[in-house]
Amino acid sequence: MKQLLGSVALTLAAAGMAQAECGTVRLASMTWQSAELASALDAFILKNGYGCDAEVIQGDTVPTITSMVEKGQPEIAPEGWVDLVPEVIQAGIAEGKIVVTGDILSDGAVQGWFIPAYMVEEHPELTTIDAVLEHPELFPNPEDPSHGAVFNGPEGWGGTVVTSQLFKAYDGAGHGFDLVSTGSNAALDGSIARAYERHEGWVGYYWEPTALLGKYEMVKLDHGVPLDMDEWKRCTSVGTCPDPKKNDWPKDKVQTVVTKGFADSAPPEVMDYLSKRSWSNATVNKVMAWMTDNQATGEDGAKHFLTENPDLWKAWVTPEAAEKIEAAL
C-alpha cells in the first residue's frame, strides 16, 4: 500500500511539476473569427494536452504585438498578421523580445478576385482575370445585364482600392464590365450567396480565411503576371495613382508570435507544438462556416475541429498529449 501511495504521489508531483513548468500563458484572441478559433484551439490543447494554465484575452494586431515587445505579455498571439506591423516585428526579434514560431496559415492570407467553382467547372478556360473579362455575358450586372459586373468591397477597405486599380489596369470597362460598389461587407456576402443560390455568374473581390468561402466554394483568379512589389507600392495600392498596371496580389503572412520569455521557459514540447501547428485556408474556412451556421463560439469551433480532424492535429502534438486532448473532448 505504501508503495502504491508513493507511486501515486510521485505521479501527481510529476504532473504538478509539468504544469508549473508551463505556467500561466495568455493567448490573444483578435477581433475576427479565425483568430478567435485559433486562440481557443491553442488554449484547449495547451491546457488539456500540456497542463498549461491557459487564458484567452482580447486583443488586436497592433496593440497586442506592441505589448508583447514592450511588456512581455500576452505570451502568445496565435494568429499574428505580421505584415501589418513589420517594423514592430523586426525590432522585437532583433531586440530578443519576441520570436515567430511559424506560419499558422500554411498558404497565407489571400485576397483577390474570385468566381464560383461551378463557373470553372462549366468553363475551364476561366482561370485568369483576362479570360473572365472576355466574357461579360457570363457575369451580368444585375442592374444592367447588357454589361458584366465586377463586385467590389465597401469604401475604405484596402482591398476595395486595389480592386478599383486592377479594374483600370485590366481595362474592365473596355471589356464591357461595370465596377459595382456593394457598400458593405454584408452586401458583398449577399451578392455571392444570391449568385450561388441561382447558379449565376459572379466575379469580384473577396479574401480568405472566411466562413463564407467555407460555405460557398470559390476559385481565386490568376492575375497572369508576377507580383511586382515596387509597382504595388507605387500604384496598385494607391487609389489616386492614375496609371495602374497589371499586377499580382501579395499574400499576407499570418504567423504565431511568442514572447522570448515564454519561449525560453516553456517546455520544449509546447514550443514544438506551436511550431508545427499550421492549417490551410480551406480547413479554417470549413470550421468557421460550421461556427457561423451553428452560432458557435471559438471554443465550440476548436472542439469541432479536434473531433473532425484527428489525423491533422495529432501530427502537431506528442502521443501523450493527444491522449489527454481526446479524453478532454
Protein backbone atom coordinates (compact mmCIF):
# COMPACT_ATOMS: atom_id res chain seq x y z
CA MET A 1 0.00 0.00 0.00
CA LYS A 2 2.87 2.35 0.87
CA GLN A 3 4.46 1.61 -2.49
CA LEU A 4 1.17 2.32 -4.28
CA LEU A 5 0.64 5.58 -2.42
CA GLY A 6 4.21 6.55 -3.10
CA SER A 7 3.77 5.85 -6.78
CA VAL A 8 0.59 7.91 -6.92
CA ALA A 9 2.28 10.76 -5.09
CA LEU A 10 5.19 10.73 -7.50
CA THR A 11 2.80 10.74 -10.46
CA LEU A 12 0.83 13.68 -9.05
CA ALA A 13 4.03 15.52 -8.25
CA ALA A 14 5.31 14.97 -11.77
CA ALA A 15 2.04 16.26 -13.21
CA GLY A 16 2.21 19.28 -10.94
CA MET A 17 5.79 19.97 -11.99
CA ALA A 18 4.81 19.75 -15.68
CA GLN A 19 2.00 22.26 -15.14
CA ALA A 20 4.25 24.55 -13.14
CA GLU A 21 6.91 24.28 -15.81
CA CYS A 22 4.47 25.51 -18.44
CA GLY A 23 2.90 28.01 -16.07
CA THR A 24 0.39 30.70 -16.89
CA VAL A 25 0.09 31.65 -20.54
CA ARG A 26 -2.17 34.34 -22.00
CA LEU A 27 -3.26 33.97 -25.61
CA ALA A 28 -4.56 36.92 -27.61
CA SER A 29 -7.85 36.45 -29.41
CA MET A 30 -8.17 39.12 -32.08
CA THR A 31 -11.42 40.71 -33.25
CA TRP A 32 -12.15 38.33 -36.13
CA GLN A 33 -13.47 34.78 -36.30
CA SER A 34 -10.38 32.87 -37.45
CA ALA A 35 -8.27 34.43 -34.67
CA GLU A 36 -10.97 33.57 -32.10
CA LEU A 37 -10.85 29.98 -33.33
CA ALA A 38 -7.04 29.83 -33.30
CA SER A 39 -6.70 31.17 -29.75
CA ALA A 40 -9.41 28.83 -28.46
CA LEU A 41 -7.72 25.85 -30.13
CA ASP A 42 -4.32 26.68 -28.68
CA ALA A 43 -5.80 27.26 -25.23
CA PHE A 44 -7.60 23.89 -25.29
CA ILE A 45 -4.51 22.00 -26.46
CA LEU A 46 -2.06 23.75 -24.12
CA LYS A 47 -4.36 23.32 -21.12
CA ASN A 48 -5.50 19.76 -21.69
CA GLY A 49 -2.50 18.37 -23.52
CA TYR A 50 0.37 20.07 -21.73
CA GLY A 51 -1.01 21.23 -18.38
CA CYS A 52 -0.60 24.95 -19.04
CA ASP A 53 -2.74 27.45 -17.16
CA ALA A 54 -4.02 28.91 -20.44
CA GLU A 55 -6.16 32.03 -20.56
CA VAL A 56 -7.64 33.73 -23.64
CA ILE A 57 -7.70 37.53 -23.58
CA GLN A 58 -8.97 40.03 -26.14
CA GLY A 59 -6.55 41.89 -28.38
CA ASP A 60 -5.88 43.26 -31.82
CA THR A 61 -2.86 43.03 -34.08
CA VAL A 62 -1.06 46.33 -33.48
CA PRO A 63 -1.65 46.81 -29.73
CA THR A 64 -1.15 43.11 -28.94
CA ILE A 65 2.19 42.67 -30.69
CA THR A 66 3.39 46.07 -29.46
CA SER A 67 2.54 45.00 -25.89
CA MET A 68 4.37 41.70 -26.38
CA VAL A 69 7.51 43.58 -27.39
CA GLU A 70 7.30 46.31 -24.76
CA LYS A 71 5.73 44.49 -21.78
CA GLY A 72 6.28 40.79 -22.46
CA GLN A 73 2.57 39.99 -22.44
CA PRO A 74 0.39 38.40 -23.61
CA GLU A 75 2.72 35.47 -24.12
CA ILE A 76 1.22 34.22 -27.41
CA ALA A 77 -0.51 35.77 -30.40
CA PRO A 78 -1.67 32.63 -32.26
CA GLU A 79 -2.80 34.48 -35.39
CA GLY A 80 -0.49 37.44 -35.90
CA TRP A 81 -0.89 39.33 -39.16
CA VAL A 82 2.76 40.31 -39.09
CA ASP A 83 2.75 42.23 -42.38
CA LEU A 84 0.58 44.85 -40.68
CA VAL A 85 3.38 45.67 -38.20
CA PRO A 86 6.65 44.75 -39.96
CA GLU A 87 8.75 47.34 -38.13
CA VAL A 88 7.48 46.24 -34.70
CA ILE A 89 8.06 42.58 -35.55
CA GLN A 90 11.58 43.13 -36.89
CA ALA A 91 12.57 45.34 -33.97
CA GLY A 92 11.13 42.88 -31.45
CA ILE A 93 13.03 39.97 -32.97
CA ALA A 94 16.27 41.97 -33.21
CA GLU A 95 15.97 43.05 -29.56
CA GLY A 96 15.28 39.49 -28.40
CA LYS A 97 11.78 40.33 -27.17
CA ILE A 98 9.68 38.02 -29.39
CA VAL A 99 10.08 35.00 -31.64
CA VAL A 100 7.99 33.84 -34.60
CA THR A 101 7.35 30.10 -34.32
CA GLY A 102 5.88 29.52 -37.78
CA ASP A 103 3.00 30.09 -40.19
CA ILE A 104 -0.37 29.28 -38.66
CA LEU A 105 -1.90 29.72 -42.14
CA SER A 106 0.13 27.41 -44.35
CA ASP A 107 -0.96 29.14 -47.56
CA GLY A 108 -1.08 32.66 -46.14
CA ALA A 109 -3.98 35.09 -46.04
CA VAL A 110 -5.34 35.50 -49.57
CA GLN A 111 -7.04 38.43 -51.27
CA GLY A 112 -8.05 38.79 -54.88
CA TRP A 113 -10.81 38.28 -57.42
CA PHE A 114 -12.89 35.12 -57.09
CA ILE A 115 -15.52 33.31 -59.13
CA PRO A 116 -17.80 30.39 -58.13
CA ALA A 117 -16.25 26.95 -58.58
CA TYR A 118 -19.15 25.86 -60.78
CA MET A 119 -18.22 28.55 -63.32
CA VAL A 120 -14.76 27.00 -63.71
CA GLU A 121 -16.27 23.52 -63.96
CA GLU A 122 -18.55 24.68 -66.78
CA HIS A 123 -15.97 26.96 -68.41
CA PRO A 124 -12.48 25.55 -67.69
CA GLU A 125 -10.82 28.44 -69.51
CA LEU A 126 -11.96 30.91 -66.84
CA THR A 127 -8.88 30.77 -64.65
CA THR A 128 -7.43 34.26 -65.14
CA ILE A 129 -8.70 37.83 -64.85
CA ASP A 130 -8.08 38.37 -68.55
CA ALA A 131 -10.09 35.28 -69.50
CA VAL A 132 -13.05 36.31 -67.34
CA LEU A 133 -13.09 39.84 -68.75
CA GLU A 134 -13.52 38.39 -72.24
CA HIS A 135 -16.97 37.14 -71.22
CA PRO A 136 -19.17 39.88 -69.72
CA GLU A 137 -22.23 37.88 -70.80
CA LEU A 138 -21.35 35.18 -68.24
CA PHE A 139 -21.19 37.69 -65.36
CA PRO A 140 -24.12 40.06 -65.97
CA ASN A 141 -24.65 43.20 -63.93
CA PRO A 142 -27.99 42.75 -62.09
CA GLU A 143 -28.76 46.44 -62.75
CA ASP A 144 -27.79 46.32 -66.44
CA PRO A 145 -27.48 42.79 -67.90
CA SER A 146 -26.00 44.21 -71.10
CA HIS A 147 -22.81 44.77 -69.08
CA GLY A 148 -20.75 42.47 -66.94
CA ALA A 149 -20.18 43.24 -63.25
CA VAL A 150 -17.09 43.10 -61.05
CA PHE A 151 -18.25 43.37 -57.43
CA ASN A 152 -16.10 45.49 -55.16
CA GLY A 153 -15.84 45.79 -51.37
CA PRO A 154 -17.01 48.65 -49.15
CA GLU A 155 -15.43 52.09 -49.29
CA GLY A 156 -12.44 52.48 -47.04
CA TRP A 157 -11.12 48.95 -47.41
CA GLY A 158 -7.63 48.47 -48.82
CA GLY A 159 -8.92 45.61 -50.98
CA THR A 160 -11.53 47.94 -52.46
CA VAL A 161 -8.82 50.39 -53.53
CA VAL A 162 -6.74 47.63 -55.09
CA THR A 163 -9.72 46.18 -56.94
CA SER A 164 -10.52 49.61 -58.37
CA GLN A 165 -6.94 49.98 -59.56
CA LEU A 166 -6.84 46.49 -61.07
CA PHE A 167 -10.16 47.13 -62.82
CA LYS A 168 -8.46 50.03 -64.59
CA ALA A 169 -5.25 48.12 -65.26
CA TYR A 170 -7.07 45.18 -66.87
CA ASP A 171 -9.43 47.57 -68.74
CA GLY A 172 -12.60 46.16 -67.24
CA ALA A 173 -14.71 48.97 -68.71
CA GLY A 174 -13.26 48.41 -72.18
CA HIS A 175 -14.34 44.76 -71.93
CA GLY A 176 -17.93 45.73 -71.15
CA PHE A 177 -17.82 45.43 -67.35
CA ASP A 178 -19.01 47.80 -64.64
CA LEU A 179 -17.28 48.05 -61.27
CA VAL A 180 -20.13 47.60 -58.77
CA SER A 181 -19.79 49.04 -55.27
CA THR A 182 -21.51 46.76 -52.75
CA GLY A 183 -21.44 49.33 -49.94
CA SER A 184 -20.96 46.91 -47.05
CA ASN A 185 -19.48 43.56 -46.11
CA ALA A 186 -23.00 42.14 -45.69
CA ALA A 187 -24.00 43.30 -49.18
CA LEU A 188 -20.84 41.79 -50.67
CA ASP A 189 -21.58 38.48 -48.94
CA GLY A 190 -25.19 38.68 -50.06
CA SER A 191 -24.22 39.11 -53.71
CA ILE A 192 -22.19 35.89 -53.57
CA ALA A 193 -24.95 33.99 -51.77
CA ARG A 194 -27.56 35.09 -54.32
CA ALA A 195 -25.36 34.11 -57.24
CA TYR A 196 -24.76 30.67 -55.72
CA GLU A 197 -28.43 30.07 -54.96
CA ARG A 198 -29.34 30.98 -58.56
CA HIS A 199 -26.31 29.30 -60.11
CA GLU A 200 -25.31 32.57 -61.77
CA GLY A 201 -22.00 34.07 -62.75
CA TRP A 202 -20.23 36.26 -60.19
CA VAL A 203 -16.79 37.84 -60.13
CA GLY A 204 -15.38 40.22 -57.58
CA TYR A 205 -13.18 40.96 -54.61
CA TYR A 206 -13.02 38.61 -51.65
CA TRP A 207 -10.50 37.08 -49.25
CA GLU A 208 -9.77 34.10 -47.07
CA PRO A 209 -9.86 32.66 -44.49
CA THR A 210 -13.59 33.41 -44.16
CA ALA A 211 -16.68 31.47 -43.19
CA LEU A 212 -18.37 32.41 -46.46
CA LEU A 213 -15.76 30.59 -48.54
CA GLY A 214 -16.23 27.58 -46.30
CA LYS A 215 -19.89 27.57 -47.31
CA TYR A 216 -19.56 28.57 -50.96
CA GLU A 217 -16.70 27.11 -52.96
CA MET A 218 -14.94 29.88 -54.84
CA VAL A 219 -11.86 29.92 -57.07
CA LYS A 220 -9.31 32.72 -56.97
CA LEU A 221 -8.41 34.05 -60.41
CA ASP A 222 -4.81 34.11 -61.59
CA HIS A 223 -3.57 37.60 -62.39
CA GLY A 224 -1.50 36.42 -65.34
CA VAL A 225 1.57 38.41 -64.27
CA PRO A 226 4.12 38.06 -61.43
CA LEU A 227 3.95 40.21 -58.33
CA ASP A 228 5.83 43.49 -58.66
CA MET A 229 6.08 44.97 -55.16
CA ASP A 230 7.56 48.24 -56.42
CA GLU A 231 4.54 48.68 -58.69
CA TRP A 232 2.24 47.58 -55.85
CA LYS A 233 3.58 50.35 -53.60
CA ARG A 234 3.73 52.92 -56.42
CA CYS A 235 0.29 52.48 -57.87
CA THR A 236 -1.64 49.21 -57.40
CA SER A 237 -2.47 50.01 -53.78
CA VAL A 238 -2.71 53.79 -54.22
CA GLY A 239 -6.18 54.97 -55.17
CA THR A 240 -5.02 58.31 -56.53
CA CYS A 241 -2.47 56.78 -58.91
CA PRO A 242 -3.66 57.46 -62.49
CA ASP A 243 -1.80 54.75 -64.41
CA PRO A 244 -2.06 51.34 -62.71
CA LYS A 245 -0.54 48.33 -64.46
CA LYS A 246 -1.45 44.65 -64.31
CA ASN A 247 -0.08 43.15 -61.13
CA ASP A 248 -0.48 40.21 -58.78
CA TRP A 249 -1.81 40.46 -55.23
CA PRO A 250 0.66 39.68 -52.41
CA LYS A 251 -0.28 37.20 -49.72
CA ASP A 252 -0.16 38.30 -46.09
CA LYS A 253 1.96 36.27 -43.70
CA VAL A 254 -0.10 35.05 -40.77
CA GLN A 255 2.22 33.70 -38.10
CA THR A 256 2.31 32.75 -34.44
CA VAL A 257 4.24 35.24 -32.31
CA VAL A 258 5.55 34.28 -28.87
CA THR A 259 7.37 36.36 -26.26
CA LYS A 260 11.01 35.41 -25.82
CA GLY A 261 10.45 34.95 -22.10
CA PHE A 262 7.80 32.30 -22.67
CA ALA A 263 9.78 30.65 -25.48
CA ASP A 264 12.75 30.25 -23.14
CA SER A 265 10.77 28.96 -20.15
CA ALA A 266 8.11 26.78 -21.81
CA PRO A 267 8.58 23.02 -22.09
CA PRO A 268 10.21 22.06 -25.42
CA GLU A 269 7.15 20.05 -26.45
CA VAL A 270 4.95 23.16 -26.10
CA MET A 271 7.21 25.16 -28.40
CA ASP A 272 7.34 22.18 -30.74
CA TYR A 273 3.55 22.21 -30.93
CA LEU A 274 3.46 25.95 -31.66
CA SER A 275 5.97 25.50 -34.47
CA LYS A 276 4.11 22.55 -36.04
CA ARG A 277 0.54 23.82 -35.67
CA SER A 278 -0.45 25.03 -39.13
CA TRP A 279 -3.58 24.70 -41.23
CA SER A 280 -4.81 25.74 -44.65
CA ASN A 281 -7.39 28.36 -45.56
CA ALA A 282 -9.68 25.58 -46.78
CA THR A 283 -9.58 23.89 -43.36
CA VAL A 284 -10.22 27.11 -41.44
CA ASN A 285 -12.98 28.19 -43.85
CA LYS A 286 -14.91 24.97 -43.19
CA VAL A 287 -14.67 25.26 -39.42
CA MET A 288 -15.73 28.91 -39.49
CA ALA A 289 -18.67 28.06 -41.75
CA TRP A 290 -19.75 25.47 -39.16
CA MET A 291 -19.34 28.06 -36.40
CA THR A 292 -21.45 30.59 -38.30
CA ASP A 293 -24.20 28.11 -39.14
CA ASN A 294 -24.36 26.96 -35.51
CA GLN A 295 -23.78 30.36 -33.88
CA ALA A 296 -20.86 28.70 -32.14
CA THR A 297 -18.05 30.21 -30.08
CA GLY A 298 -14.35 29.83 -30.76
CA GLU A 299 -14.17 27.12 -28.09
CA ASP A 300 -17.03 25.25 -29.78
CA GLY A 301 -15.22 25.57 -33.09
CA ALA A 302 -11.97 24.28 -31.59
CA LYS A 303 -13.68 21.17 -30.21
CA HIS A 304 -15.45 20.62 -33.54
CA PHE A 305 -12.13 20.85 -35.38
CA LEU A 306 -10.41 18.46 -32.96
CA THR A 307 -13.25 15.95 -33.26
CA GLU A 308 -13.38 16.07 -37.06
CA ASN A 309 -9.65 16.28 -37.88
CA PRO A 310 -7.65 13.93 -35.64
CA ASP A 311 -5.22 12.98 -38.39
CA LEU A 312 -4.23 16.62 -38.81
CA TRP A 313 -3.81 17.79 -35.23
CA LYS A 314 -2.25 14.62 -33.83
CA ALA A 315 0.78 15.32 -36.01
CA TRP A 316 1.26 18.56 -34.05
CA VAL A 317 1.38 17.08 -30.54
CA THR A 318 3.09 14.30 -28.61
CA PRO A 319 1.28 10.94 -28.29
CA GLU A 320 0.82 11.57 -24.56
CA ALA A 321 -0.74 14.99 -25.22
CA ALA A 322 -3.00 13.50 -27.89
CA GLU A 323 -4.45 11.01 -25.39
CA LYS A 324 -5.16 13.78 -22.89
CA ILE A 325 -6.74 16.04 -25.53
CA GLU A 326 -9.02 13.26 -26.77
CA ALA A 327 -10.06 12.47 -23.20
CA ALA A 328 -10.99 16.12 -22.65
CA LEU A 329 -13.25 16.35 -25.71
